[in-house]
Amino acid sequence: MEKPPDITLLLNEWADGSSLALEQLSPLVYEQLRKFAYRAFSREAGFHTLQPTALVNEVFIKLVDADVPWQNRAHFYALAARMMRRLLINYANEQNALKRGANFTRVLLDQEQLSSDAPGTTHTDLLALNEGLEQLATTDMRKVELIELQYFAGLTFREMEEVTGLSSSTIDRELRFARAWLKKFLIGS
């Protein structure tokens, strides 16, 4: 059985200018980005007009065009999750601007990802969530990155361990704190 290509190695070769590395890397990361987008969209309201494929295409184009010295696979996927978040926020802001003065356009996301004890199906506003993440980032960027990986990229704990190099107990502790902090922020806003 042939070993799958090492994404970190391909990222480094691509950063060094290898177009062959980009050709080999593209289907690997594109498929993973599609999984991220479909996981994220499976938690959203059905009326959302932005499609997962459009989100993936936009993120992929931005990643290919990025002039970033890729450190490793974790760095790549963390940046992908951040880009997904920003694109979703931009989309929500554009939809809000179209309403011209109306209340926020709601991009509903399942709050269960933020609070393991959330009863029933509650939803939170993406723009308020983003505001909370920006505020949390001023004190603890690692927690924000973990929320991005879980909430926007849809990574499981095992995938987050692989991507970040953190232990599952550390990830669990960091996410529990971040969820509690965000829940308190969202209730207060």
C-alpha atoms as a PDB file:
ATOM      1  CA  MET A   1       0.000   0.000   0.000  1.00  0.00           C
ATOM      2  CA  GLU A   2       1.405   3.350  -1.065  1.00  0.00           C
ATOM      3  CA  LYS A   3       1.944   5.934   1.676  1.00  0.00           C
ATOM      4  CA  PRO A   4      -0.034   9.170   1.116  1.00  0.00           C
ATOM      5  CA  PRO A   5       2.064  12.228   0.319  1.00  0.00           C
ATOM      6  CA  ASP A   6       3.275  14.285   3.269  1.00  0.00           C
ATOM      7  CA  ILE A   7       1.333  17.548   3.168  1.00  0.00           C
ATOM      8  CA  THR A   8       3.974  19.459   5.126  1.00  0.00           C
ATOM      9  CA  LEU A   9       6.670  18.325   2.709  1.00  0.00           C
ATOM     10  CA  LEU A  10       4.521  19.313  -0.288  1.00  0.00           C
ATOM     11  CA  LEU A  11       3.804  22.714   1.300  1.00  0.00           C
ATOM     12  CA  ASN A  12       7.526  23.319   1.739  1.00  0.00           C
ATOM     13  CA  GLU A  13       8.291  22.241  -1.833  1.00  0.00           C
ATOM     14  CA  TRP A  14       5.492  24.451  -3.119  1.00  0.00           C
ATOM     15  CA  ALA A  15       6.821  27.387  -1.079  1.00  0.00           C
ATOM     16  CA  ASP A  16      10.187  26.763  -2.754  1.00  0.00           C
ATOM     17  CA  GLY A  17       8.502  27.195  -6.149  1.00  0.00           C
ATOM     18  CA  SER A  18       7.649  23.628  -7.194  1.00  0.00           C
ATOM     19  CA  SER A  19       4.569  23.615  -9.420  1.00  0.00           C
ATOM     20  CA  LEU A  20       4.569  19.791  -9.264  1.00  0.00           C
ATOM     21  CA  ALA A  21       4.196  20.011  -5.476  1.00  0.00           C
ATOM     22  CA  LEU A  22       1.189  22.315  -5.924  1.00  0.00           C
ATOM     23  CA  GLU A  23      -0.351  19.836  -8.386  1.00  0.00           C
ATOM     24  CA  GLN A  24       0.076  17.007  -5.873  1.00  0.00           C
ATOM     25  CA  LEU A  25      -1.045  19.141  -2.936  1.00  0.00           C
ATOM     26  CA  SER A  26      -4.157  20.632  -4.520  1.00  0.00           C
ATOM     27  CA  PRO A  27      -6.424  17.563  -4.532  1.00  0.00           C
ATOM     28  CA  LEU A  28      -5.342  16.628  -1.003  1.00  0.00           C
ATOM     29  CA  VAL A  29      -6.058  19.965   0.623  1.00  0.00           C
ATOM     30  CA  TYR A  30      -9.046  20.793  -1.584  1.00  0.00           C
ATOM     31  CA  GLU A  31     -10.801  17.620  -0.437  1.00  0.00           C
ATOM     32  CA  GLN A  32     -10.046  18.448   3.206  1.00  0.00           C
ATOM     33  CA  LEU A  33     -11.309  22.011   2.743  1.00  0.00           C
ATOM     34  CA  ARG A  34     -14.533  20.608   1.242  1.00  0.00           C
ATOM     35  CA  LYS A  35     -15.008  18.465   4.336  1.00  0.00           C
ATOM     36  CA  PHE A  36     -14.467  21.529   6.535  1.00  0.00           C
ATOM     37  CA  ALA A  37     -17.026  23.556   4.581  1.00  0.00           C
ATOM     38  CA  TYR A  38     -19.649  20.817   4.546  1.00  0.00           C
ATOM     39  CA  ARG A  39     -19.262  20.314   8.297  1.00  0.00           C
ATOM     40  CA  ALA A  40     -19.617  24.034   8.898  1.00  0.00           C
ATOM     41  CA  PHE A  41     -22.636  24.326   6.621  1.00  0.00           C
ATOM     42  CA  SER A  42     -24.328  21.277   8.131  1.00  0.00           C
ATOM     43  CA  ARG A  43     -24.699  23.378  11.319  1.00  0.00           C
ATOM     44  CA  GLU A  44     -26.145  26.412   9.552  1.00  0.00           C
ATOM     45  CA  ALA A  45     -29.689  27.404   8.777  1.00  0.00           C
ATOM     46  CA  GLY A  46     -31.167  26.102   5.527  1.00  0.00           C
ATOM     47  CA  PHE A  47     -31.810  29.541   4.045  1.00  0.00           C
ATOM     48  CA  HIS A  48     -28.130  30.429   3.704  1.00  0.00           C
ATOM     49  CA  THR A  49     -27.442  31.380   0.077  1.00  0.00           C
ATOM     50  CA  LEU A  50     -23.668  30.964   0.208  1.00  0.00           C
ATOM     51  CA  GLN A  51     -22.747  27.465  -0.957  1.00  0.00           C
ATOM     52  CA  PRO A  52     -19.998  25.313   0.597  1.00  0.00           C
ATOM     53  CA  THR A  53     -18.329  24.815  -2.791  1.00  0.00           C
ATOM     54  CA  ALA A  54     -18.160  28.575  -3.337  1.00  0.00           C
ATOM     55  CA  LEU A  55     -16.614  29.015   0.101  1.00  0.00           C
ATOM     56  CA  VAL A  56     -14.030  26.283  -0.565  1.00  0.00           C
ATOM     57  CA  ASN A  57     -13.151  27.727  -3.968  1.00  0.00           C
ATOM     58  CA  GLU A  58     -12.638  31.183  -2.479  1.00  0.00           C
ATOM     59  CA  VAL A  59     -10.520  29.863   0.399  1.00  0.00           C
ATOM     60  CA  PHE A  60      -8.464  27.674  -1.922  1.00  0.00           C
ATOM     61  CA  ILE A  61      -7.767  30.568  -4.307  1.00  0.00           C
ATOM     62  CA  LYS A  62      -6.695  32.774  -1.403  1.00  0.00           C
ATOM     63  CA  LEU A  63      -4.436  30.036  -0.010  1.00  0.00           C
ATOM     64  CA  VAL A  64      -2.800  29.394  -3.390  1.00  0.00           C
ATOM     65  CA  ASP A  65      -2.223  33.129  -3.872  1.00  0.00           C
ATOM     66  CA  ALA A  66      -0.956  33.660  -0.320  1.00  0.00           C
ATOM     67  CA  ASP A  67       2.702  34.481  -0.031  1.00  0.00           C
ATOM     68  CA  VAL A  68       3.157  32.624   3.230  1.00  0.00           C
ATOM     69  CA  PRO A  69       6.168  30.650   4.410  1.00  0.00           C
ATOM     70  CA  TRP A  70       4.219  27.512   5.375  1.00  0.00           C
ATOM     71  CA  GLN A  71       5.497  26.114   8.638  1.00  0.00           C
ATOM     72  CA  ASN A  72       3.578  22.852   8.454  1.00  0.00           C
ATOM     73  CA  ARG A  73       0.208  21.246   7.807  1.00  0.00           C
ATOM     74  CA  ALA A  74      -1.208  22.712  11.042  1.00  0.00           C
ATOM     75  CA  HIS A  75      -0.278  26.217   9.953  1.00  0.00           C
ATOM     76  CA  PHE A  76      -1.966  25.677   6.579  1.00  0.00           C
ATOM     77  CA  TYR A  77      -5.230  24.376   8.047  1.00  0.00           C
ATOM     78  CA  ALA A  78      -5.312  27.023  10.773  1.00  0.00           C
ATOM     79  CA  LEU A  79      -5.013  29.697   8.102  1.00  0.00           C
ATOM     80  CA  ALA A  80      -7.735  27.953   6.061  1.00  0.00           C
ATOM     81  CA  ALA A  81     -10.082  27.976   9.073  1.00  0.00           C
ATOM     82  CA  ARG A  82      -9.357  31.667   9.680  1.00  0.00           C
ATOM     83  CA  MET A  83     -10.051  32.446   6.026  1.00  0.00           C
ATOM     84  CA  MET A  84     -13.358  30.544   6.173  1.00  0.00           C
ATOM     85  CA  ARG A  85     -14.337  32.564   9.216  1.00  0.00           C
ATOM     86  CA  ARG A  86     -13.445  35.858   7.540  1.00  0.00           C
ATOM     87  CA  LEU A  87     -15.292  34.975   4.342  1.00  0.00           C
ATOM     88  CA  LEU A  88     -18.413  34.000   6.298  1.00  0.00           C
ATOM     89  CA  ILE A  89     -18.199  37.248   8.292  1.00  0.00           C
ATOM     90  CA  ASN A  90     -17.757  39.277   5.095  1.00  0.00           C
ATOM     91  CA  TYR A  91     -20.748  37.496   3.583  1.00  0.00           C
ATOM     92  CA  ALA A  92     -22.882  38.220   6.667  1.00  0.00           C
ATOM     93  CA  ASN A  93     -21.818  41.882   6.588  1.00  0.00           C
ATOM     94  CA  GLU A  94     -22.681  42.144   2.880  1.00  0.00           C
ATOM     95  CA  GLN A  95     -26.099  40.611   3.483  1.00  0.00           C
ATOM     96  CA  ASN A  96     -26.631  43.021   6.362  1.00  0.00           C
ATOM     97  CA  ALA A  97     -25.662  45.978   4.168  1.00  0.00           C
ATOM     98  CA  LEU A  98     -28.248  44.879   1.598  1.00  0.00           C
ATOM     99  CA  LYS A  99     -30.930  45.209   4.260  1.00  0.00           C
ATOM    100  CA  ARG A 100     -29.929  48.881   4.725  1.00  0.00           C
ATOM    101  CA  GLY A 101     -30.536  49.626   8.328  1.00  0.00           C
ATOM    102  CA  ALA A 102     -32.450  46.486   9.234  1.00  0.00           C
ATOM    103  CA  ASN A 103     -31.350  44.262  12.079  1.00  0.00           C
ATOM    104  CA  PHE A 104     -28.418  41.946  11.421  1.00  0.00           C
ATOM    105  CA  THR A 105     -28.986  39.337   8.790  1.00  0.00           C
ATOM    106  CA  ARG A 106     -28.926  36.178  10.815  1.00  0.00           C
ATOM    107  CA  VAL A 107     -26.474  33.529   9.744  1.00  0.00           C
ATOM    108  CA  LEU A 108     -27.589  30.875  12.169  1.00  0.00           C
ATOM    109  CA  LEU A 109     -25.051  28.491  13.577  1.00  0.00           C
ATOM    110  CA  ASP A 110     -25.673  25.696  16.007  1.00  0.00           C
ATOM    111  CA  GLN A 111     -24.577  26.961  19.421  1.00  0.00           C
ATOM    112  CA  GLU A 112     -24.091  23.389  20.601  1.00  0.00           C
ATOM    113  CA  GLN A 113     -20.516  23.703  19.291  1.00  0.00           C
ATOM    114  CA  LEU A 114     -19.956  26.560  21.725  1.00  0.00           C
ATOM    115  CA  SER A 115     -21.753  25.148  24.721  1.00  0.00           C
ATOM    116  CA  SER A 116     -21.932  21.468  25.457  1.00  0.00           C
ATOM    117  CA  ASP A 117     -24.782  22.115  27.902  1.00  0.00           C
ATOM    118  CA  ALA A 118     -26.939  24.157  25.515  1.00  0.00           C
ATOM    119  CA  PRO A 119     -30.503  22.842  25.741  1.00  0.00           C
ATOM    120  CA  GLY A 120     -32.344  22.102  22.512  1.00  0.00           C
ATOM    121  CA  THR A 121     -31.380  23.753  19.294  1.00  0.00           C
ATOM    122  CA  THR A 122     -30.324  27.322  19.977  1.00  0.00           C
ATOM    123  CA  HIS A 123     -28.606  29.529  17.425  1.00  0.00           C
ATOM    124  CA  THR A 124     -26.235  32.426  17.612  1.00  0.00           C
ATOM    125  CA  ASP A 125     -25.505  35.287  15.309  1.00  0.00           C
ATOM    126  CA  LEU A 126     -22.280  34.877  13.359  1.00  0.00           C
ATOM    127  CA  LEU A 127     -21.469  38.557  13.666  1.00  0.00           C
ATOM    128  CA  ALA A 128     -21.823  38.491  17.464  1.00  0.00           C
ATOM    129  CA  LEU A 129     -19.701  35.335  17.573  1.00  0.00           C
ATOM    130  CA  ASN A 130     -17.034  37.060  15.517  1.00  0.00           C
ATOM    131  CA  GLU A 131     -17.078  40.043  17.866  1.00  0.00           C
ATOM    132  CA  GLY A 132     -16.602  37.681  20.800  1.00  0.00           C
ATOM    133  CA  LEU A 133     -13.732  35.882  19.068  1.00  0.00           C
ATOM    134  CA  GLU A 134     -12.030  39.184  18.295  1.00  0.00           C
ATOM    135  CA  GLN A 135     -12.300  40.209  21.933  1.00  0.00           C
ATOM    136  CA  LEU A 136     -11.032  36.822  23.160  1.00  0.00           C
ATOM    137  CA  ALA A 137      -8.095  37.100  20.728  1.00  0.00           C
ATOM    138  CA  THR A 138      -6.812  40.127  22.623  1.00  0.00           C
ATOM    139  CA  THR A 139      -6.048  37.864  25.583  1.00  0.00           C
ATOM    140  CA  ASP A 140      -5.687  34.335  24.201  1.00  0.00           C
ATOM    141  CA  MET A 141      -5.187  33.716  20.503  1.00  0.00           C
ATOM    142  CA  ARG A 142      -4.661  29.963  20.945  1.00  0.00           C
ATOM    143  CA  LYS A 143      -8.205  29.531  22.239  1.00  0.00           C
ATOM    144  CA  VAL A 144      -9.534  31.474  19.253  1.00  0.00           C
ATOM    145  CA  GLU A 145      -7.530  29.280  16.875  1.00  0.00           C
ATOM    146  CA  LEU A 146      -8.963  26.145  18.484  1.00  0.00           C
ATOM    147  CA  ILE A 147     -12.519  27.516  18.175  1.00  0.00           C
ATOM    148  CA  GLU A 148     -11.817  28.332  14.515  1.00  0.00           C
ATOM    149  CA  LEU A 149     -10.544  24.815  13.878  1.00  0.00           C
ATOM    150  CA  GLN A 150     -13.534  23.213  15.571  1.00  0.00           C
ATOM    151  CA  TYR A 151     -16.333  25.595  14.669  1.00  0.00           C
ATOM    152  CA  PHE A 152     -15.378  26.938  11.246  1.00  0.00           C
ATOM    153  CA  ALA A 153     -13.292  24.053   9.912  1.00  0.00           C
ATOM    154  CA  GLY A 154     -15.270  21.369  11.740  1.00  0.00           C
ATOM    155  CA  LEU A 155     -12.248  19.401  12.926  1.00  0.00           C
ATOM    156  CA  THR A 156     -12.717  16.624  15.447  1.00  0.00           C
ATOM    157  CA  PHE A 157     -10.551  16.436  18.579  1.00  0.00           C
ATOM    158  CA  ARG A 158      -8.360  13.812  16.933  1.00  0.00           C
ATOM    159  CA  GLU A 159      -7.864  16.030  13.860  1.00  0.00           C
ATOM    160  CA  MET A 160      -7.144  19.025  16.070  1.00  0.00           C
ATOM    161  CA  GLU A 161      -4.519  17.009  17.961  1.00  0.00           C
ATOM    162  CA  GLU A 162      -2.881  16.117  14.663  1.00  0.00           C
ATOM    163  CA  VAL A 163      -3.018  19.659  13.299  1.00  0.00           C
ATOM    164  CA  THR A 164      -1.930  21.523  16.441  1.00  0.00           C
ATOM    165  CA  GLY A 165       0.309  19.008  18.155  1.00  0.00           C
ATOM    166  CA  LEU A 166      -1.571  19.622  21.418  1.00  0.00           C
ATOM    167  CA  SER A 167      -2.822  16.794  23.613  1.00  0.00           C
ATOM    168  CA  SER A 168      -6.526  16.055  23.721  1.00  0.00           C
ATOM    169  CA  SER A 169      -6.674  17.071  27.403  1.00  0.00           C
ATOM    170  CA  THR A 170      -5.146  20.464  26.571  1.00  0.00           C
ATOM    171  CA  ILE A 171      -7.516  20.951  23.639  1.00  0.00           C
ATOM    172  CA  ASP A 172     -10.481  19.964  25.809  1.00  0.00           C
ATOM    173  CA  ARG A 173      -9.445  22.345  28.607  1.00  0.00           C
ATOM    174  CA  GLU A 174      -8.802  25.243  26.197  1.00  0.00           C
ATOM    175  CA  LEU A 175     -12.091  24.716  24.342  1.00  0.00           C
ATOM    176  CA  ARG A 176     -14.123  24.419  27.553  1.00  0.00           C
ATOM    177  CA  PHE A 177     -12.710  27.735  28.723  1.00  0.00           C
ATOM    178  CA  ALA A 178     -13.248  29.378  25.314  1.00  0.00           C
ATOM    179  CA  ARG A 179     -16.853  28.107  25.087  1.00  0.00           C
ATOM    180  CA  ALA A 180     -17.654  29.359  28.594  1.00  0.00           C
ATOM    181  CA  TRP A 181     -16.070  32.725  27.837  1.00  0.00           C
ATOM    182  CA  LEU A 182     -17.944  33.040  24.527  1.00  0.00           C
ATOM    183  CA  LYS A 183     -21.228  31.949  26.088  1.00  0.00           C
ATOM    184  CA  LYS A 184     -20.863  34.636  28.761  1.00  0.00           C
ATOM    185  CA  PHE A 185     -19.948  37.207  26.088  1.00  0.00           C
ATOM    186  CA  LEU A 186     -22.896  36.267  23.851  1.00  0.00           C
ATOM    187  CA  ILE A 187     -25.389  36.359  26.713  1.00  0.00           C
ATOM    188  CA  GLY A 188     -24.099  39.791  27.742  1.00  0.00           C
ATOM    189  CA  SER A 189     -24.178  41.270  24.239  1.00  0.00           C
END
